């Protein structure tokens, strides 16, 4: 049987792994989006007007995921 300390230690390790994975994905998004822009818009500025809505949607999804992970982390520590 796990003690509270073991449980929360394991939960924290799990959350840190998830966050690390998310950071890696986030870092890889920029170059991927610029590559997509270069193929579709023939520019590679990261600021193409045609891609603006798509960039905003990607940013919103990443922010939503970070908020969800943060809320889960907070709720685990409050138990």
PDB file of N, CA and C in Angstrom:
ATOM      1  N   UNK A   1       0.840  -1.174   0.000  1.00  0.00           N
ATOM      2  CA  UNK A   1       0.000   0.000   0.000  1.00  0.00           C
ATOM      3  C   UNK A   1       0.892   1.246   0.000  1.00  0.00           C
ATOM      4  N   UNK A   2       0.512   2.214  -0.827  1.00  0.00           N
ATOM      5  CA  UNK A   2       1.268   3.455  -0.941  1.00  0.00           C
ATOM      6  C   UNK A   2       0.939   4.407   0.203  1.00  0.00           C
ATOM      7  N   UNK A   3       1.960   5.089   0.664  1.00  0.00           N
ATOM      8  CA  UNK A   3       1.718   6.179   1.607  1.00  0.00           C
ATOM      9  C   UNK A   3       1.342   7.421   0.793  1.00  0.00           C
ATOM     10  N   UNK A   4       0.815   8.418   1.463  1.00  0.00           N
ATOM     11  CA  UNK A   4       0.479   9.667   0.773  1.00  0.00           C
ATOM     12  C   UNK A   4       1.711  10.266   0.113  1.00  0.00           C
ATOM     13  N   UNK A   5       2.832  10.204   0.811  1.00  0.00           N
ATOM     14  CA  UNK A   5       4.068  10.771   0.279  1.00  0.00           C
ATOM     15  C   UNK A   5       4.477  10.051  -1.006  1.00  0.00           C
ATOM     16  N   UNK A   6       4.378   8.716  -1.016  1.00  0.00           N
ATOM     17  CA  UNK A   6       4.711   7.954  -2.221  1.00  0.00           C
ATOM     18  C   UNK A   6       3.763   8.296  -3.364  1.00  0.00           C
ATOM     19  N   UNK A   7       2.471   8.364  -3.044  1.00  0.00           N
ATOM     20  CA  UNK A   7       1.471   8.659  -4.068  1.00  0.00           C
ATOM     21  C   UNK A   7       1.738  10.010  -4.709  1.00  0.00           C
ATOM     22  N   UNK A   8       1.913  11.040  -3.879  1.00  0.00           N
ATOM     23  CA  UNK A   8       2.124  12.379  -4.416  1.00  0.00           C
ATOM     24  C   UNK A   8       3.476  12.506  -5.106  1.00  0.00           C
ATOM     25  N   UNK A   9       4.466  11.773  -4.623  1.00  0.00           N
ATOM     26  CA  UNK A   9       5.757  11.757  -5.305  1.00  0.00           C
ATOM     27  C   UNK A   9       5.631  11.169  -6.698  1.00  0.00           C
ATOM     28  N   UNK A  10       4.911  10.047  -6.806  1.00  0.00           N
ATOM     29  CA  UNK A  10       4.680   9.426  -8.112  1.00  0.00           C
ATOM     30  C   UNK A  10       3.851  10.333  -9.017  1.00  0.00           C
ATOM     31  N   UNK A  11       2.832  10.975  -8.445  1.00  0.00           N
ATOM     32  CA  UNK A  11       1.993  11.883  -9.229  1.00  0.00           C
ATOM     33  C   UNK A  11       2.819  13.051  -9.758  1.00  0.00           C
ATOM     34  N   UNK A  12       3.696  13.582  -8.930  1.00  0.00           N
ATOM     35  CA  UNK A  12       4.526  14.708  -9.355  1.00  0.00           C
ATOM     36  C   UNK A  12       5.478  14.294 -10.471  1.00  0.00           C
ATOM     37  N   UNK A  13       6.067  13.118 -10.357  1.00  0.00           N
ATOM     38  CA  UNK A  13       6.954  12.616 -11.414  1.00  0.00           C
ATOM     39  C   UNK A  13       6.179  12.458 -12.717  1.00  0.00           C
ATOM     40  N   UNK A  14       4.976  11.909 -12.630  1.00  0.00           N
ATOM     41  CA  UNK A  14       4.133  11.718 -13.813  1.00  0.00           C
ATOM     42  C   UNK A  14       3.812  13.067 -14.467  1.00  0.00           C
ATOM     43  N   UNK A  15       3.444  14.042 -13.663  1.00  0.00           N
ATOM     44  CA  UNK A  15       3.106  15.365 -14.189  1.00  0.00           C
ATOM     45  C   UNK A  15       4.338  16.020 -14.808  1.00  0.00           C
ATOM     46  N   UNK A  16       5.495  15.884 -14.175  1.00  0.00           N
ATOM     47  CA  UNK A  16       6.726  16.457 -14.729  1.00  0.00           C
ATOM     48  C   UNK A  16       7.055  15.839 -16.083  1.00  0.00           C
ATOM     49  N   UNK A  17       6.827  14.540 -16.229  1.00  0.00           N
ATOM     50  CA  UNK A  17       7.058  13.881 -17.526  1.00  0.00           C
ATOM     51  C   UNK A  17       6.106  14.429 -18.580  1.00  0.00           C
ATOM     52  N   UNK A  18       4.842  14.590 -18.203  1.00  0.00           N
ATOM     53  CA  UNK A  18       3.854  15.133 -19.142  1.00  0.00           C
ATOM     54  C   UNK A  18       4.250  16.543 -19.576  1.00  0.00           C
ATOM     55  N   UNK A  19       4.646  17.362 -18.623  1.00  0.00           N
ATOM     56  CA  UNK A  19       5.036  18.735 -18.943  1.00  0.00           C
ATOM     57  C   UNK A  19       6.272  18.743 -19.826  1.00  0.00           C
ATOM     58  N   UNK A  20       7.228  17.889 -19.538  1.00  0.00           N
ATOM     59  CA  UNK A  20       8.434  17.798 -20.354  1.00  0.00           C
ATOM     60  C   UNK A  20       8.085  17.412 -21.792  1.00  0.00           C
ATOM     61  N   UNK A  21       7.180  16.460 -21.941  1.00  0.00           N
ATOM     62  CA  UNK A  21       6.728  16.054 -23.274  1.00  0.00           C
ATOM     63  C   UNK A  21       6.048  17.216 -23.981  1.00  0.00           C
ATOM     64  N   UNK A  22       5.197  17.934 -23.257  1.00  0.00           N
ATOM     65  CA  UNK A  22       4.494  19.072 -23.849  1.00  0.00           C
ATOM     66  C   UNK A  22       5.459  20.174 -24.264  1.00  0.00           C
ATOM     67  N   UNK A  23       6.480  20.421 -23.465  1.00  0.00           N
ATOM     68  CA  UNK A  23       7.476  21.439 -23.808  1.00  0.00           C
ATOM     69  C   UNK A  23       8.200  21.034 -25.088  1.00  0.00           C
ATOM     70  N   UNK A  24       8.543  19.757 -25.204  1.00  0.00           N
ATOM     71  CA  UNK A  24       9.201  19.274 -26.421  1.00  0.00           C
ATOM     72  C   UNK A  24       8.327  19.458 -27.652  1.00  0.00           C
ATOM     73  N   UNK A  25       7.051  19.140 -27.514  1.00  0.00           N
ATOM     74  CA  UNK A  25       6.111  19.318 -28.627  1.00  0.00           C
ATOM     75  C   UNK A  25       5.985  20.797 -28.968  1.00  0.00           C
ATOM     76  N   UNK A  26       5.864  21.632 -27.935  1.00  0.00           N
ATOM     77  CA  UNK A  26       5.728  23.073 -28.156  1.00  0.00           C
ATOM     78  C   UNK A  26       6.945  23.628 -28.897  1.00  0.00           C
ATOM     79  N   UNK A  27       8.130  23.203 -28.498  1.00  0.00           N
ATOM     80  CA  UNK A  27       9.352  23.690 -29.154  1.00  0.00           C
ATOM     81  C   UNK A  27       9.435  23.244 -30.606  1.00  0.00           C
ATOM     82  N   UNK A  28       8.873  22.095 -30.915  1.00  0.00           N
ATOM     83  CA  UNK A  28       8.922  21.609 -32.290  1.00  0.00           C
ATOM     84  C   UNK A  28       7.843  22.230 -33.170  1.00  0.00           C
ATOM     85  N   UNK A  29       6.845  22.864 -32.568  1.00  0.00           N
ATOM     86  CA  UNK A  29       5.760  23.454 -33.351  1.00  0.00           C
ATOM     87  C   UNK A  29       6.215  24.623 -34.211  1.00  0.00           C
ATOM     88  N   UNK A  30       7.048  25.496 -33.669  1.00  0.00           N
ATOM     89  CA  UNK A  30       7.491  26.674 -34.425  1.00  0.00           C
ATOM     90  C   UNK A  30       8.096  26.316 -35.770  1.00  0.00           C
ATOM     91  N   UNK A  31       9.140  25.499 -35.778  1.00  0.00           N
ATOM     92  CA  UNK A  31       9.732  25.115 -37.059  1.00  0.00           C
ATOM     93  C   UNK A  31       8.748  24.384 -37.980  1.00  0.00           C
ATOM     94  N   UNK A  32       7.883  23.579 -37.397  1.00  0.00           N
ATOM     95  CA  UNK A  32       6.888  22.862 -38.201  1.00  0.00           C
ATOM     96  C   UNK A  32       5.911  23.839 -38.857  1.00  0.00           C
ATOM     97  N   UNK A  33       5.447  24.822 -38.098  1.00  0.00           N
ATOM     98  CA  UNK A  33       4.520  25.810 -38.649  1.00  0.00           C
ATOM     99  C   UNK A  33       5.189  26.677 -39.712  1.00  0.00           C
ATOM    100  N   UNK A  34       6.447  27.033 -39.496  1.00  0.00           N
ATOM    101  CA  UNK A  34       7.172  27.815 -40.503  1.00  0.00           C
ATOM    102  C   UNK A  34       7.356  26.988 -41.773  1.00  0.00           C
ATOM    103  N   UNK A  35       7.608  25.699 -41.632  1.00  0.00           N
ATOM    104  CA  UNK A  35       7.729  24.827 -42.809  1.00  0.00           C
ATOM    105  C   UNK A  35       6.399  24.759 -43.554  1.00  0.00           C
ATOM    106  N   UNK A  36       5.311  24.623 -42.817  1.00  0.00           N
ATOM    107  CA  UNK A  36       3.981  24.611 -43.429  1.00  0.00           C
ATOM    108  C   UNK A  36       3.727  25.925 -44.163  1.00  0.00           C
ATOM    109  N   UNK A  37       4.107  27.027 -43.533  1.00  0.00           N
ATOM    110  CA  UNK A  37       3.957  28.341 -44.165  1.00  0.00           C
ATOM    111  C   UNK A  37       4.785  28.425 -45.444  1.00  0.00           C
ATOM    112  N   UNK A  38       5.996  27.902 -45.398  1.00  0.00           N
ATOM    113  CA  UNK A  38       6.851  27.985 -46.590  1.00  0.00           C
ATOM    114  C   UNK A  38       6.277  27.179 -47.749  1.00  0.00           C
ATOM    115  N   UNK A  39       5.615  26.074 -47.439  1.00  0.00           N
ATOM    116  CA  UNK A  39       5.015  25.247 -48.489  1.00  0.00           C
ATOM    117  C   UNK A  39       3.742  25.889 -49.028  1.00  0.00           C
ATOM    118  N   UNK A  40       2.907  26.395 -48.134  1.00  0.00           N
ATOM    119  CA  UNK A  40       1.601  26.901 -48.557  1.00  0.00           C
ATOM    120  C   UNK A  40       1.622  28.353 -49.012  1.00  0.00           C
ATOM    121  N   UNK A  41       2.464  29.174 -48.395  1.00  0.00           N
ATOM    122  CA  UNK A  41       2.447  30.618 -48.681  1.00  0.00           C
ATOM    123  C   UNK A  41       3.702  31.102 -49.392  1.00  0.00           C
ATOM    124  N   UNK A  42       4.670  30.221 -49.526  1.00  0.00           N
ATOM    125  CA  UNK A  42       5.954  30.563 -50.163  1.00  0.00           C
ATOM    126  C   UNK A  42       6.709  31.650 -49.392  1.00  0.00           C
ATOM    127  N   UNK A  43       6.481  31.719 -48.067  1.00  0.00           N
ATOM    128  CA  UNK A  43       7.243  32.611 -47.191  1.00  0.00           C
ATOM    129  C   UNK A  43       7.649  31.806 -45.964  1.00  0.00           C
ATOM    130  N   UNK A  44       8.618  32.310 -45.238  1.00  0.00           N
ATOM    131  CA  UNK A  44       9.037  31.601 -44.023  1.00  0.00           C
ATOM    132  C   UNK A  44       9.311  32.585 -42.888  1.00  0.00           C
ATOM    133  N   UNK A  45       8.398  33.516 -42.718  1.00  0.00           N
ATOM    134  CA  UNK A  45       8.562  34.550 -41.698  1.00  0.00           C
ATOM    135  C   UNK A  45       7.947  34.157 -40.363  1.00  0.00           C
ATOM    136  N   UNK A  46       6.993  33.241 -40.381  1.00  0.00           N
ATOM    137  CA  UNK A  46       6.240  32.919 -39.174  1.00  0.00           C
ATOM    138  C   UNK A  46       5.148  33.939 -38.912  1.00  0.00           C
ATOM    139  N   UNK A  47       4.930  34.830 -39.884  1.00  0.00           N
ATOM    140  CA  UNK A  47       3.946  35.903 -39.716  1.00  0.00           C
ATOM    141  C   UNK A  47       3.057  36.086 -40.941  1.00  0.00           C
ATOM    142  N   UNK A  48       2.948  35.091 -41.799  1.00  0.00           N
ATOM    143  CA  UNK A  48       2.143  35.225 -43.011  1.00  0.00           C
ATOM    144  C   UNK A  48       0.687  35.508 -42.660  1.00  0.00           C
ATOM    145  N   UNK A  49       0.116  36.487 -43.328  1.00  0.00           N
ATOM    146  CA  UNK A  49      -1.276  36.870 -43.068  1.00  0.00           C
ATOM    147  C   UNK A  49      -2.227  35.693 -43.300  1.00  0.00           C
ATOM    148  N   UNK A  50      -1.936  34.872 -44.301  1.00  0.00           N
ATOM    149  CA  UNK A  50      -2.798  33.731 -44.613  1.00  0.00           C
ATOM    150  C   UNK A  50      -2.782  32.676 -43.510  1.00  0.00           C
ATOM    151  N   UNK A  51      -1.739  32.667 -42.695  1.00  0.00           N
ATOM    152  CA  UNK A  51      -1.589  31.662 -41.637  1.00  0.00           C
ATOM    153  C   UNK A  51      -1.988  32.196 -40.257  1.00  0.00           C
ATOM    154  N   UNK A  52      -2.320  33.465 -40.169  1.00  0.00           N
ATOM    155  CA  UNK A  52      -2.560  34.113 -38.873  1.00  0.00           C
ATOM    156  C   UNK A  52      -3.605  33.371 -38.030  1.00  0.00           C
ATOM    157  N   UNK A  53      -4.741  33.040 -38.635  1.00  0.00           N
ATOM    158  CA  UNK A  53      -5.790  32.330 -37.884  1.00  0.00           C
ATOM    159  C   UNK A  53      -5.313  30.957 -37.429  1.00  0.00           C
ATOM    160  N   UNK A  54      -4.557  30.291 -38.284  1.00  0.00           N
ATOM    161  CA  UNK A  54      -4.046  28.964 -37.931  1.00  0.00           C
ATOM    162  C   UNK A  54      -3.052  29.066 -36.777  1.00  0.00           C
ATOM    163  N   UNK A  55      -2.178  30.068 -36.829  1.00  0.00           N
ATOM    164  CA  UNK A  55      -1.225  30.280 -35.732  1.00  0.00           C
ATOM    165  C   UNK A  55      -1.960  30.540 -34.416  1.00  0.00           C
ATOM    166  N   UNK A  56      -2.998  31.371 -34.477  1.00  0.00           N
ATOM    167  CA  UNK A  56      -3.781  31.662 -33.266  1.00  0.00           C
ATOM    168  C   UNK A  56      -4.452  30.405 -32.725  1.00  0.00           C
ATOM    169  N   UNK A  57      -4.999  29.585 -33.612  1.00  0.00           N
ATOM    170  CA  UNK A  57      -5.663  28.350 -33.187  1.00  0.00           C
ATOM    171  C   UNK A  57      -4.666  27.408 -32.519  1.00  0.00           C
ATOM    172  N   UNK A  58      -3.478  27.287 -33.094  1.00  0.00           N
ATOM    173  CA  UNK A  58      -2.442  26.432 -32.494  1.00  0.00           C
ATOM    174  C   UNK A  58      -2.041  26.961 -31.126  1.00  0.00           C
ATOM    175  N   UNK A  59      -1.857  28.256 -31.028  1.00  0.00           N
ATOM    176  CA  UNK A  59      -1.476  28.860 -29.755  1.00  0.00           C
ATOM    177  C   UNK A  59      -2.565  28.644 -28.701  1.00  0.00           C
ATOM    178  N   UNK A  60      -3.821  28.774 -29.103  1.00  0.00           N
ATOM    179  CA  UNK A  60      -4.935  28.571 -28.169  1.00  0.00           C
ATOM    180  C   UNK A  60      -4.987  27.133 -27.675  1.00  0.00           C
ATOM    181  N   UNK A  61      -4.748  26.183 -28.562  1.00  0.00           N
ATOM    182  CA  UNK A  61      -4.766  24.770 -28.157  1.00  0.00           C
ATOM    183  C   UNK A  61      -3.639  24.454 -27.185  1.00  0.00           C
ATOM    184  N   UNK A  62      -2.464  25.003 -27.441  1.00  0.00           N
ATOM    185  CA  UNK A  62      -1.329  24.783 -26.539  1.00  0.00           C
ATOM    186  C   UNK A  62      -1.623  25.401 -25.176  1.00  0.00           C
ATOM    187  N   UNK A  63      -2.139  26.617 -25.168  1.00  0.00           N
ATOM    188  CA  UNK A  63      -2.464  27.285 -23.912  1.00  0.00           C
ATOM    189  C   UNK A  63      -3.519  26.502 -23.133  1.00  0.00           C
ATOM    190  N   UNK A  64      -4.532  26.019 -23.825  1.00  0.00           N
ATOM    191  CA  UNK A  64      -5.587  25.229 -23.173  1.00  0.00           C
ATOM    192  C   UNK A  64      -5.001  23.969 -22.537  1.00  0.00           C
ATOM    193  N   UNK A  65      -4.112  23.302 -23.247  1.00  0.00           N
ATOM    194  CA  UNK A  65      -3.486  22.086 -22.714  1.00  0.00           C
ATOM    195  C   UNK A  65      -2.634  22.399 -21.482  1.00  0.00           C
ATOM    196  N   UNK A  66      -1.885  23.494 -21.525  1.00  0.00           N
ATOM    197  CA  UNK A  66      -1.068  23.878 -20.368  1.00  0.00           C
ATOM    198  C   UNK A  66      -1.933  24.209 -19.158  1.00  0.00           C
ATOM    199  N   UNK A  67      -3.043  24.872 -19.394  1.00  0.00           N
ATOM    200  CA  UNK A  67      -3.961  25.189 -18.298  1.00  0.00           C
ATOM    201  C   UNK A  67      -4.531  23.912 -17.701  1.00  0.00           C
ATOM    202  N   UNK A  68      -4.926  22.969 -18.551  1.00  0.00           N
ATOM    203  CA  UNK A  68      -5.475  21.703 -18.056  1.00  0.00           C
ATOM    204  C   UNK A  68      -4.460  20.951 -17.207  1.00  0.00           C
ATOM    205  N   UNK A  69      -3.231  20.869 -17.672  1.00  0.00           N
ATOM    206  CA  UNK A  69      -2.195  20.169 -16.910  1.00  0.00           C
ATOM    207  C   UNK A  69      -1.941  20.881 -15.586  1.00  0.00           C
ATOM    208  N   UNK A  70      -1.924  22.199 -15.627  1.00  0.00           N
ATOM    209  CA  UNK A  70      -1.715  22.964 -14.388  1.00  0.00           C
ATOM    210  C   UNK A  70      -2.839  22.724 -13.395  1.00  0.00           C
ATOM    211  N   UNK A  71      -4.076  22.712 -13.873  1.00  0.00           N
ATOM    212  CA  UNK A  71      -5.215  22.473 -12.984  1.00  0.00           C
ATOM    213  C   UNK A  71      -5.178  21.068 -12.397  1.00  0.00           C
ATOM    214  N   UNK A  72      -4.800  20.098 -13.195  1.00  0.00           N
ATOM    215  CA  UNK A  72      -4.679  18.723 -12.696  1.00  0.00           C
ATOM    216  C   UNK A  72      -3.599  18.660 -11.627  1.00  0.00           C
ATOM    217  N   UNK A  73      -2.484  19.319 -11.889  1.00  0.00           N
ATOM    218  CA  UNK A  73      -1.391  19.338 -10.919  1.00  0.00           C
ATOM    219  C   UNK A  73      -1.835  19.966  -9.605  1.00  0.00           C
ATOM    220  N   UNK A  74      -2.523  21.081  -9.694  1.00  0.00           N
ATOM    221  CA  UNK A  74      -3.006  21.759  -8.487  1.00  0.00           C
ATOM    222  C   UNK A  74      -3.995  20.883  -7.737  1.00  0.00           C
ATOM    223  N   UNK A  75      -4.905  20.252  -8.465  1.00  0.00           N
ATOM    224  CA  UNK A  75      -5.918  19.423  -7.794  1.00  0.00           C
ATOM    225  C   UNK A  75      -5.276  18.201  -7.140  1.00  0.00           C
ATOM    226  N   UNK A  76      -4.220  17.661  -7.725  1.00  0.00           N
ATOM    227  CA  UNK A  76      -3.532  16.512  -7.116  1.00  0.00           C
ATOM    228  C   UNK A  76      -2.855  16.920  -5.813  1.00  0.00           C
ATOM    229  N   UNK A  77      -2.322  18.108  -5.768  1.00  0.00           N
ATOM    230  CA  UNK A  77      -1.614  18.557  -4.570  1.00  0.00           C
ATOM    231  C   UNK A  77      -2.568  18.982  -3.462  1.00  0.00           C
ATOM    232  N   UNK A  78      -3.818  19.253  -3.801  1.00  0.00           N
ATOM    233  CA  UNK A  78      -4.796  19.674  -2.797  1.00  0.00           C
ATOM    234  C   UNK A  78      -5.419  18.488  -2.085  1.00  0.00           C
ATOM    235  N   UNK A  79      -5.310  17.321  -2.653  1.00  0.00           N
ATOM    236  CA  UNK A  79      -5.949  16.126  -2.078  1.00  0.00           C
ATOM    237  C   UNK A  79      -5.313  15.758  -0.761  1.00  0.00           C
TER     238      UNK A  79
END
